[in-house]
Amino acid sequence: AAHRRGVVFLGTEVPAAEIALAVRSTGARTLYLSLIEAHIGGNQELATISGLVPFSTQVWIRSSGTSRHGERFARANCTVVHDLEELDVLLEEE
């Protein structure tokens, strides 16, 4: 587990509703999404996740198009992660 955390890997091509269900059922404090640009329908999936995860859950997203995706998570608990060094800093701060 990263930085002494329990990690649940859901895999690829997981529907937004299932991601949100996993977050709620595990009581996750943080959701880290690594996004692939070519995913068709990704904007709708991001909007769904944003609406379904608890507001208390920190949402960290990373993709080559994070500036566009970041707008989909216009929530106080969303952080765009630009690189692995930034992720390490976030993990240490939590």
Protein backbone atom coordinates (compact mmCIF):
# COMPACT_ATOMS: atom_id res chain seq x y z
CA ALA A 1 0.00 0.00 0.00
CA ALA A 2 1.20 3.45 -0.87
CA HIS A 3 2.38 5.34 2.20
CA ARG A 4 0.76 2.85 4.60
CA ARG A 5 -2.67 3.06 3.01
CA GLY A 6 -5.05 0.34 2.02
CA VAL A 7 -5.26 0.36 -1.76
CA VAL A 8 -8.08 -1.08 -3.82
CA PHE A 9 -7.31 -1.46 -7.53
CA LEU A 10 -10.49 -1.56 -9.58
CA GLY A 11 -8.90 -2.13 -12.98
CA THR A 12 -9.66 -0.54 -16.30
CA GLU A 13 -12.95 0.19 -18.02
CA VAL A 14 -14.84 0.36 -14.71
CA PRO A 15 -18.13 2.27 -15.00
CA ALA A 16 -18.44 5.46 -12.97
CA ALA A 17 -21.28 4.13 -10.84
CA GLU A 18 -19.17 1.12 -9.79
CA ILE A 19 -16.23 3.39 -8.91
CA ALA A 20 -18.50 5.54 -6.76
CA LEU A 21 -19.99 2.44 -5.10
CA ALA A 22 -16.48 1.17 -4.25
CA VAL A 23 -15.59 4.56 -2.75
CA ARG A 24 -18.72 4.62 -0.60
CA SER A 25 -18.59 0.97 0.48
CA THR A 26 -14.93 1.12 1.51
CA GLY A 27 -15.16 4.53 3.15
CA ALA A 28 -12.29 5.72 0.97
CA ARG A 29 -10.78 9.05 1.94
CA THR A 30 -9.12 9.45 -1.46
CA LEU A 31 -10.01 8.43 -5.00
CA TYR A 32 -7.14 8.52 -7.48
CA LEU A 33 -8.15 8.39 -11.14
CA SER A 34 -5.64 7.83 -13.90
CA LEU A 35 -7.44 8.73 -17.10
CA ILE A 36 -6.83 7.82 -20.72
CA GLU A 37 -7.59 10.61 -23.18
CA ALA A 38 -9.04 8.39 -25.88
CA HIS A 39 -11.84 7.10 -23.66
CA ILE A 40 -15.10 7.94 -25.42
CA GLY A 41 -17.76 9.18 -23.03
CA GLY A 42 -15.17 10.03 -20.41
CA ASN A 43 -16.61 13.46 -19.71
CA GLN A 44 -19.97 11.94 -18.75
CA GLU A 45 -18.23 9.34 -16.58
CA LEU A 46 -16.31 12.09 -14.76
CA ALA A 47 -19.48 14.06 -14.16
CA THR A 48 -21.16 10.92 -12.79
CA ILE A 49 -18.28 10.17 -10.42
CA SER A 50 -18.19 13.77 -9.27
CA GLY A 51 -21.87 13.62 -8.40
CA LEU A 52 -21.80 10.23 -6.68
CA VAL A 53 -18.73 10.17 -4.45
CA PRO A 54 -19.09 11.70 -0.99
CA PHE A 55 -17.92 15.28 -0.76
CA SER A 56 -15.60 14.23 2.07
CA THR A 57 -13.62 12.04 -0.36
CA GLN A 58 -10.59 13.69 -1.91
CA VAL A 59 -10.56 13.17 -5.68
CA TRP A 60 -7.15 13.21 -7.35
CA ILE A 61 -7.04 12.97 -11.13
CA ARG A 62 -4.17 12.48 -13.54
CA SER A 63 -4.17 12.35 -17.33
CA SER A 64 -2.45 13.98 -20.24
CA GLY A 65 -5.45 16.31 -20.47
CA THR A 66 -5.84 17.17 -16.80
CA SER A 67 -6.66 20.81 -17.40
CA ARG A 68 -9.79 19.80 -19.33
CA HIS A 69 -10.70 17.04 -16.86
CA GLY A 70 -10.10 19.29 -13.88
CA GLU A 71 -12.95 21.52 -15.02
CA ARG A 72 -15.28 18.51 -14.68
CA PHE A 73 -14.39 18.30 -11.01
CA ALA A 74 -15.07 21.88 -10.04
CA ARG A 75 -15.31 20.84 -6.40
CA ALA A 76 -13.30 21.91 -3.41
CA ASN A 77 -12.14 18.33 -2.86
CA CYS A 78 -10.66 17.82 -6.35
CA THR A 79 -6.95 18.04 -7.05
CA VAL A 80 -5.31 17.72 -10.45
CA VAL A 81 -2.07 15.73 -10.08
CA HIS A 82 0.47 16.79 -12.70
CA ASP A 83 3.22 14.24 -12.04
CA LEU A 84 4.38 11.52 -9.66
CA GLU A 85 6.42 13.94 -7.55
CA GLU A 86 3.27 15.93 -6.87
CA LEU A 87 1.47 12.71 -5.96
CA ASP A 88 4.19 11.88 -3.42
CA VAL A 89 3.76 15.31 -1.84
CA LEU A 90 -0.01 14.84 -1.60
CA LEU A 91 0.42 11.42 -0.01
CA GLU A 92 2.83 12.79 2.58
CA GLU A 93 0.49 15.68 3.45
CA GLU A 94 -2.57 13.52 3.97
